C-alpha cells in the first residue's frame, strides 16, 4: 500500500531539511538538539560515518547550498516514518559539489526528528541518462 504524505507534512519536512542547510538554524544548538534524534547517524558524502555528537559539534561555517533543495521528494514508509530524498549543489572553496541525499525522519510526540542521513556524490547531471535514452525523469528514478 502506497502512503502519500499530507501537504502539511511534506512542507514541514522540507522546511526541517532546509534548516540543516541554513547557517542560522544549522548552528543553533538548541534547535539542532530538538531536530536531531538521540540515535542519529550519517554516512556523509565523503563516505565518513558521523554520530549525533559529531554533527552537533560541527563549528559554524558558511553554507553555500542551493535552496530550495532540488528534486525534493517525500515518501511515507509508515504513517510516522518518512524518507526524504533530494539533490544538493554546495559550493566549497569555489568548487560546486553535488550529492544525492536521503534522510529518515520519525514523527514523535514533539514533532519530526531526523534519525538517519546519507549523501552520495554524483556528477551533477541528474537527468543525463533520461536525456541520453529519451526516458522520462520518472522512469529514471524507478
N, C-alpha and C. Protein backbone atom coordinates (compact mmCIF):
# COMPACT_ATOMS: atom_id res chain seq x y z
N UNK A 1 0.84 -1.18 0.00
CA UNK A 1 0.00 0.00 0.00
C UNK A 1 0.89 1.26 0.00
N UNK A 2 0.65 2.14 -0.92
CA UNK A 2 1.41 3.38 -1.02
C UNK A 2 0.75 4.43 -0.13
N UNK A 3 1.56 5.01 0.75
CA UNK A 3 1.07 6.07 1.63
C UNK A 3 1.60 7.40 1.12
N UNK A 4 0.71 8.35 0.97
CA UNK A 4 1.10 9.66 0.49
C UNK A 4 1.12 10.64 1.66
N UNK A 5 2.22 11.40 1.79
CA UNK A 5 2.26 12.37 2.89
C UNK A 5 1.28 13.51 2.64
N UNK A 6 0.79 14.08 3.71
CA UNK A 6 -0.08 15.24 3.57
C UNK A 6 0.74 16.42 3.05
N UNK A 7 0.08 17.40 2.50
CA UNK A 7 0.77 18.61 2.04
C UNK A 7 1.50 19.27 3.21
N UNK A 8 0.86 19.26 4.38
CA UNK A 8 1.46 19.87 5.57
C UNK A 8 2.74 19.14 5.98
N UNK A 9 2.69 17.80 6.00
CA UNK A 9 3.89 17.03 6.35
C UNK A 9 5.00 17.25 5.33
N UNK A 10 4.66 17.26 4.05
CA UNK A 10 5.68 17.47 3.01
C UNK A 10 6.34 18.83 3.19
N UNK A 11 5.55 19.86 3.38
CA UNK A 11 6.10 21.21 3.55
C UNK A 11 6.93 21.32 4.83
N UNK A 12 6.46 20.69 5.90
CA UNK A 12 7.20 20.73 7.16
C UNK A 12 8.53 19.99 7.04
N UNK A 13 8.52 18.82 6.43
CA UNK A 13 9.77 18.06 6.26
C UNK A 13 10.75 18.80 5.35
N UNK A 14 10.26 19.48 4.35
CA UNK A 14 11.16 20.26 3.50
C UNK A 14 11.76 21.42 4.30
N UNK A 15 10.93 22.08 5.09
CA UNK A 15 11.45 23.18 5.91
C UNK A 15 12.50 22.67 6.90
N UNK A 16 12.21 21.53 7.55
CA UNK A 16 13.17 20.95 8.50
C UNK A 16 14.47 20.55 7.82
N UNK A 17 14.37 19.92 6.67
CA UNK A 17 15.58 19.51 5.95
C UNK A 17 16.38 20.75 5.52
N UNK A 18 15.69 21.79 5.08
CA UNK A 18 16.39 23.00 4.66
C UNK A 18 17.02 23.74 5.84
N UNK A 19 16.47 23.57 7.05
CA UNK A 19 17.10 24.15 8.24
C UNK A 19 18.52 23.64 8.41
N UNK A 20 18.77 22.42 7.97
CA UNK A 20 20.11 21.83 8.08
C UNK A 20 21.09 22.46 7.10
N UNK A 21 20.57 23.19 6.11
CA UNK A 21 21.39 23.83 5.08
C UNK A 21 21.42 25.35 5.22
N UNK A 22 20.85 25.87 6.31
CA UNK A 22 20.86 27.32 6.58
C UNK A 22 21.71 27.57 7.82
N UNK A 23 22.68 28.46 7.71
CA UNK A 23 23.61 28.71 8.82
C UNK A 23 22.89 29.10 10.11
N UNK A 24 21.86 29.94 10.00
CA UNK A 24 21.21 30.46 11.20
C UNK A 24 20.48 29.37 12.00
N UNK A 25 20.11 28.28 11.37
CA UNK A 25 19.47 27.19 12.11
C UNK A 25 20.42 26.01 12.30
N UNK A 26 21.27 25.71 11.31
CA UNK A 26 22.18 24.57 11.40
C UNK A 26 23.13 24.67 12.59
N UNK A 27 23.52 25.89 12.95
CA UNK A 27 24.47 26.06 14.04
C UNK A 27 23.81 26.58 15.31
N UNK A 28 22.49 26.47 15.37
CA UNK A 28 21.73 26.80 16.57
C UNK A 28 21.61 25.50 17.39
N UNK A 29 22.43 25.36 18.42
CA UNK A 29 22.50 24.12 19.19
C UNK A 29 21.15 23.72 19.78
N UNK A 30 20.41 24.67 20.30
CA UNK A 30 19.10 24.36 20.87
C UNK A 30 18.19 23.74 19.80
N UNK A 31 18.17 24.37 18.64
CA UNK A 31 17.30 23.87 17.56
C UNK A 31 17.75 22.50 17.09
N UNK A 32 19.04 22.30 16.90
CA UNK A 32 19.53 21.01 16.42
C UNK A 32 19.30 19.91 17.45
N UNK A 33 19.36 20.23 18.72
CA UNK A 33 19.05 19.24 19.76
C UNK A 33 17.60 18.80 19.69
N UNK A 34 16.71 19.68 19.24
CA UNK A 34 15.29 19.33 19.07
C UNK A 34 15.09 18.46 17.83
N UNK A 35 15.81 18.77 16.76
CA UNK A 35 15.57 18.16 15.46
C UNK A 35 16.30 16.83 15.27
N UNK A 36 17.50 16.72 15.79
CA UNK A 36 18.32 15.52 15.56
C UNK A 36 18.09 14.51 16.69
N UNK A 37 17.63 13.33 16.33
CA UNK A 37 17.30 12.28 17.30
C UNK A 37 18.54 11.80 18.05
N UNK A 38 18.33 11.29 19.24
CA UNK A 38 19.43 10.78 20.08
C UNK A 38 20.25 9.70 19.38
N UNK A 39 19.59 8.87 18.57
CA UNK A 39 20.30 7.76 17.92
C UNK A 39 20.68 8.07 16.46
N UNK A 40 20.68 9.33 16.09
CA UNK A 40 21.01 9.75 14.73
C UNK A 40 22.42 9.30 14.33
N UNK A 41 22.55 8.92 13.05
CA UNK A 41 23.87 8.74 12.45
C UNK A 41 23.78 9.05 10.97
N UNK A 42 24.94 9.26 10.38
CA UNK A 42 25.01 9.69 8.98
C UNK A 42 26.19 9.04 8.28
N UNK A 43 25.98 8.71 7.01
CA UNK A 43 27.06 8.38 6.09
C UNK A 43 27.20 9.60 5.20
N UNK A 44 28.26 10.37 5.40
CA UNK A 44 28.44 11.62 4.67
C UNK A 44 28.81 11.41 3.22
N UNK A 45 28.71 12.49 2.47
CA UNK A 45 29.08 12.49 1.05
C UNK A 45 30.50 11.97 0.86
N UNK A 46 31.35 12.24 1.85
CA UNK A 46 32.75 11.82 1.81
C UNK A 46 32.93 10.33 2.08
N UNK A 47 31.87 9.68 2.56
CA UNK A 47 31.96 8.28 2.95
C UNK A 47 32.20 8.10 4.44
N UNK A 48 32.44 9.19 5.14
CA UNK A 48 32.69 9.11 6.58
C UNK A 48 31.39 8.84 7.35
N UNK A 49 31.55 8.25 8.51
CA UNK A 49 30.45 7.96 9.43
C UNK A 49 30.42 9.05 10.50
N UNK A 50 29.24 9.61 10.74
CA UNK A 50 29.08 10.64 11.76
C UNK A 50 28.01 10.22 12.76
N UNK A 51 28.28 10.45 14.02
CA UNK A 51 27.29 10.24 15.08
C UNK A 51 26.62 11.58 15.38
N UNK A 52 25.58 11.54 16.16
CA UNK A 52 24.88 12.77 16.57
C UNK A 52 25.87 13.77 17.18
N UNK A 53 26.74 13.28 18.06
CA UNK A 53 27.69 14.14 18.75
C UNK A 53 28.61 14.86 17.76
N UNK A 54 29.04 14.14 16.70
CA UNK A 54 29.90 14.73 15.68
C UNK A 54 29.16 15.85 14.95
N UNK A 55 27.92 15.59 14.62
CA UNK A 55 27.11 16.55 13.89
C UNK A 55 26.87 17.80 14.72
N UNK A 56 26.54 17.62 15.99
CA UNK A 56 26.29 18.77 16.86
C UNK A 56 27.56 19.56 17.15
N UNK A 57 28.71 18.92 17.05
CA UNK A 57 29.98 19.59 17.36
C UNK A 57 30.57 20.35 16.17
N UNK A 58 29.93 20.28 15.02
CA UNK A 58 30.44 21.00 13.85
C UNK A 58 30.47 22.49 14.12
N UNK A 59 31.61 23.10 13.87
CA UNK A 59 31.77 24.54 14.11
C UNK A 59 31.04 25.34 13.04
N UNK A 60 30.48 26.48 13.43
CA UNK A 60 29.80 27.34 12.45
C UNK A 60 30.73 27.69 11.29
N UNK A 61 30.16 27.63 10.10
CA UNK A 61 30.88 27.94 8.88
C UNK A 61 29.86 28.34 7.81
N UNK A 62 30.30 29.04 6.79
CA UNK A 62 29.36 29.39 5.72
C UNK A 62 28.82 28.13 5.04
N UNK A 63 27.56 28.18 4.66
CA UNK A 63 26.94 27.08 3.90
C UNK A 63 26.42 27.69 2.61
N UNK A 64 26.99 27.29 1.49
CA UNK A 64 26.59 27.83 0.19
C UNK A 64 25.85 26.76 -0.60
N UNK A 65 24.65 26.41 -0.12
CA UNK A 65 23.83 25.38 -0.77
C UNK A 65 22.72 26.03 -1.57
N UNK A 66 22.35 25.38 -2.67
CA UNK A 66 21.21 25.83 -3.47
C UNK A 66 19.93 25.48 -2.71
N UNK A 67 19.10 26.50 -2.49
CA UNK A 67 17.79 26.33 -1.86
C UNK A 67 16.75 27.03 -2.72
N UNK A 68 15.54 26.50 -2.83
CA UNK A 68 15.07 25.27 -2.20
C UNK A 68 15.83 24.06 -2.74
N UNK A 69 15.81 22.99 -1.96
CA UNK A 69 16.56 21.79 -2.30
C UNK A 69 16.02 21.17 -3.59
N UNK A 70 16.88 20.96 -4.58
CA UNK A 70 16.43 20.40 -5.86
C UNK A 70 15.91 18.96 -5.73
N UNK A 71 14.90 18.67 -6.54
CA UNK A 71 14.32 17.32 -6.65
C UNK A 71 13.84 16.77 -5.31
N UNK A 72 13.31 17.64 -4.46
CA UNK A 72 12.87 17.24 -3.13
C UNK A 72 11.64 16.33 -3.23
N UNK A 73 11.73 15.16 -2.58
CA UNK A 73 10.63 14.18 -2.57
C UNK A 73 10.44 13.64 -1.16
N UNK A 74 9.21 13.28 -0.82
CA UNK A 74 8.91 12.65 0.47
C UNK A 74 8.05 11.42 0.19
N UNK A 75 8.39 10.34 0.86
CA UNK A 75 7.50 9.17 0.84
C UNK A 75 7.38 8.64 2.26
N UNK A 76 6.19 8.21 2.60
CA UNK A 76 5.96 7.64 3.92
C UNK A 76 6.28 6.16 3.89
N UNK A 77 7.08 5.71 4.85
CA UNK A 77 7.37 4.29 5.00
C UNK A 77 6.35 3.66 5.92
N UNK A 78 5.92 4.42 6.92
CA UNK A 78 4.79 4.11 7.81
C UNK A 78 4.12 5.46 8.06
N UNK A 79 2.98 5.51 8.72
CA UNK A 79 2.37 6.81 8.98
C UNK A 79 3.27 7.78 9.76
N UNK A 80 4.24 7.24 10.53
CA UNK A 80 5.09 8.09 11.35
C UNK A 80 6.58 8.02 11.00
N UNK A 81 6.90 7.45 9.83
CA UNK A 81 8.28 7.39 9.36
C UNK A 81 8.30 7.83 7.90
N UNK A 82 9.14 8.83 7.62
CA UNK A 82 9.22 9.36 6.26
C UNK A 82 10.65 9.28 5.74
N UNK A 83 10.77 8.98 4.46
CA UNK A 83 12.05 9.07 3.77
C UNK A 83 11.99 10.30 2.88
N UNK A 84 13.01 11.15 3.01
CA UNK A 84 13.13 12.36 2.22
C UNK A 84 14.33 12.17 1.30
N UNK A 85 14.17 12.50 0.02
CA UNK A 85 15.30 12.45 -0.92
C UNK A 85 15.37 13.76 -1.68
N UNK A 86 16.59 14.14 -2.05
CA UNK A 86 16.80 15.37 -2.82
C UNK A 86 18.24 15.39 -3.30
N UNK A 87 18.56 16.36 -4.13
CA UNK A 87 19.93 16.57 -4.58
C UNK A 87 20.45 17.85 -3.96
N UNK A 88 21.77 17.93 -3.79
CA UNK A 88 22.36 19.18 -3.33
C UNK A 88 23.44 19.62 -4.30
N UNK A 89 23.59 20.93 -4.36
CA UNK A 89 24.70 21.58 -5.05
C UNK A 89 25.25 22.57 -4.04
N UNK A 90 26.42 22.26 -3.48
CA UNK A 90 27.01 23.07 -2.42
C UNK A 90 28.40 23.51 -2.88
N UNK A 91 28.69 24.79 -2.70
CA UNK A 91 29.99 25.33 -3.11
C UNK A 91 30.94 25.31 -1.91
N UNK A 92 32.07 24.62 -2.08
CA UNK A 92 33.14 24.56 -1.09
C UNK A 92 34.41 25.10 -1.76
N UNK A 93 34.97 26.15 -1.21
CA UNK A 93 36.21 26.73 -1.75
C UNK A 93 36.13 26.96 -3.27
N UNK A 94 34.99 27.46 -3.72
CA UNK A 94 34.83 27.78 -5.14
C UNK A 94 34.47 26.62 -6.03
N UNK A 95 34.35 25.42 -5.48
CA UNK A 95 34.02 24.23 -6.27
C UNK A 95 32.63 23.74 -5.87
N UNK A 96 31.76 23.54 -6.88
CA UNK A 96 30.41 23.04 -6.62
C UNK A 96 30.46 21.52 -6.54
N UNK A 97 29.99 20.99 -5.42
CA UNK A 97 29.92 19.54 -5.23
C UNK A 97 28.46 19.12 -5.18
N UNK A 98 28.14 18.08 -5.92
CA UNK A 98 26.77 17.57 -6.00
C UNK A 98 26.65 16.27 -5.22
N UNK A 99 25.49 16.08 -4.62
CA UNK A 99 25.22 14.82 -3.91
C UNK A 99 23.74 14.49 -3.98
N UNK A 100 23.45 13.22 -4.00
CA UNK A 100 22.08 12.73 -3.81
C UNK A 100 21.96 12.49 -2.32
N UNK A 101 20.86 12.93 -1.74
CA UNK A 101 20.68 12.86 -0.29
C UNK A 101 19.44 12.05 0.05
N UNK A 102 19.51 11.37 1.18
CA UNK A 102 18.38 10.62 1.70
C UNK A 102 18.38 10.75 3.22
N UNK A 103 17.22 11.05 3.77
CA UNK A 103 17.07 11.17 5.22
C UNK A 103 15.87 10.37 5.67
N UNK A 104 15.96 9.84 6.87
CA UNK A 104 14.83 9.17 7.51
C UNK A 104 14.41 10.01 8.70
N UNK A 105 13.14 10.38 8.73
CA UNK A 105 12.55 11.19 9.79
C UNK A 105 11.46 10.38 10.49
N UNK A 106 11.36 10.52 11.82
CA UNK A 106 10.27 9.88 12.56
C UNK A 106 9.45 10.94 13.28
N UNK A 107 8.15 10.71 13.27
CA UNK A 107 7.24 11.61 13.98
C UNK A 107 7.19 11.20 15.44
N UNK A 108 7.46 12.15 16.33
CA UNK A 108 7.43 11.90 17.77
C UNK A 108 6.34 12.77 18.39
N UNK A 109 6.18 12.65 19.69
CA UNK A 109 5.20 13.48 20.40
C UNK A 109 5.51 14.96 20.29
N UNK A 110 6.80 15.29 20.05
CA UNK A 110 7.20 16.70 19.97
C UNK A 110 7.43 17.16 18.53
N UNK A 111 7.24 16.29 17.55
CA UNK A 111 7.43 16.67 16.15
C UNK A 111 8.34 15.70 15.43
N UNK A 112 8.68 16.02 14.18
CA UNK A 112 9.55 15.17 13.38
C UNK A 112 11.00 15.28 13.86
N UNK A 113 11.70 14.13 13.90
CA UNK A 113 13.11 14.10 14.25
C UNK A 113 13.90 13.33 13.20
N UNK A 114 15.10 13.84 12.93
CA UNK A 114 15.99 13.22 11.96
C UNK A 114 16.71 12.05 12.61
N UNK A 115 16.59 10.85 12.01
CA UNK A 115 17.20 9.64 12.56
C UNK A 115 18.42 9.19 11.76
N UNK A 116 18.40 9.44 10.44
CA UNK A 116 19.46 8.94 9.57
C UNK A 116 19.60 9.86 8.36
N UNK A 117 20.84 9.99 7.87
CA UNK A 117 21.08 10.76 6.65
C UNK A 117 22.23 10.13 5.89
N UNK A 118 22.13 10.18 4.56
CA UNK A 118 23.22 9.71 3.71
C UNK A 118 23.36 10.62 2.51
N UNK A 119 24.61 10.93 2.17
CA UNK A 119 24.92 11.70 0.96
C UNK A 119 25.81 10.87 0.05
N UNK A 120 25.47 10.85 -1.23
CA UNK A 120 26.25 10.10 -2.22
C UNK A 120 26.64 11.05 -3.35
N UNK A 121 27.92 11.20 -3.63
CA UNK A 121 28.33 12.13 -4.69
C UNK A 121 27.83 11.68 -6.07
N UNK A 122 27.54 12.67 -6.92
CA UNK A 122 27.26 12.39 -8.33
C UNK A 122 27.73 13.58 -9.14
N UNK A 123 27.74 13.45 -10.45
CA UNK A 123 28.36 14.46 -11.31
C UNK A 123 27.54 15.71 -11.55
N UNK A 124 26.33 15.79 -10.99
CA UNK A 124 25.52 16.99 -11.15
C UNK A 124 24.62 16.96 -12.36
N UNK A 125 24.68 15.92 -13.14
CA UNK A 125 23.82 15.79 -14.32
C UNK A 125 22.72 14.80 -13.99
N UNK A 126 21.76 15.25 -13.21
CA UNK A 126 20.73 14.38 -12.66
C UNK A 126 19.93 13.65 -13.73
N UNK A 127 19.70 14.30 -14.85
CA UNK A 127 18.83 13.70 -15.86
C UNK A 127 19.60 13.26 -17.10
N UNK A 128 20.91 13.08 -16.97
CA UNK A 128 21.74 12.73 -18.11
C UNK A 128 21.26 11.43 -18.77
N UNK A 129 20.96 10.41 -17.99
CA UNK A 129 20.51 9.14 -18.57
C UNK A 129 19.18 9.29 -19.28
N UNK A 130 18.28 10.06 -18.69
CA UNK A 130 16.97 10.28 -19.32
C UNK A 130 17.13 10.99 -20.65
N UNK A 131 18.00 12.00 -20.68
CA UNK A 131 18.22 12.73 -21.92
C UNK A 131 18.87 11.85 -22.97
N UNK A 132 19.83 11.04 -22.55
CA UNK A 132 20.56 10.20 -23.49
C UNK A 132 19.66 9.14 -24.12
N UNK A 133 18.80 8.55 -23.32
CA UNK A 133 17.99 7.43 -23.80
C UNK A 133 16.54 7.79 -24.07
N UNK A 134 16.21 9.07 -23.92
CA UNK A 134 14.86 9.51 -24.23
C UNK A 134 13.83 9.11 -23.20
N UNK A 135 14.25 8.67 -22.02
CA UNK A 135 13.32 8.27 -20.96
C UNK A 135 12.86 9.50 -20.19
N UNK A 136 11.69 9.39 -19.61
CA UNK A 136 11.22 10.49 -18.77
C UNK A 136 11.95 10.44 -17.44
N UNK A 137 11.95 11.56 -16.73
CA UNK A 137 12.60 11.64 -15.44
C UNK A 137 12.02 10.60 -14.49
N UNK A 138 10.71 10.42 -14.51
CA UNK A 138 10.07 9.45 -13.62
C UNK A 138 10.57 8.04 -13.90
N UNK A 139 10.81 7.71 -15.16
CA UNK A 139 11.30 6.39 -15.49
C UNK A 139 12.71 6.16 -14.95
N UNK A 140 13.54 7.18 -14.95
CA UNK A 140 14.90 7.05 -14.47
C UNK A 140 14.92 6.78 -12.97
N UNK A 141 14.01 7.36 -12.22
CA UNK A 141 14.01 7.22 -10.77
C UNK A 141 13.40 5.92 -10.27
N UNK A 142 12.89 5.08 -11.16
CA UNK A 142 12.30 3.81 -10.73
C UNK A 142 13.35 2.80 -10.42
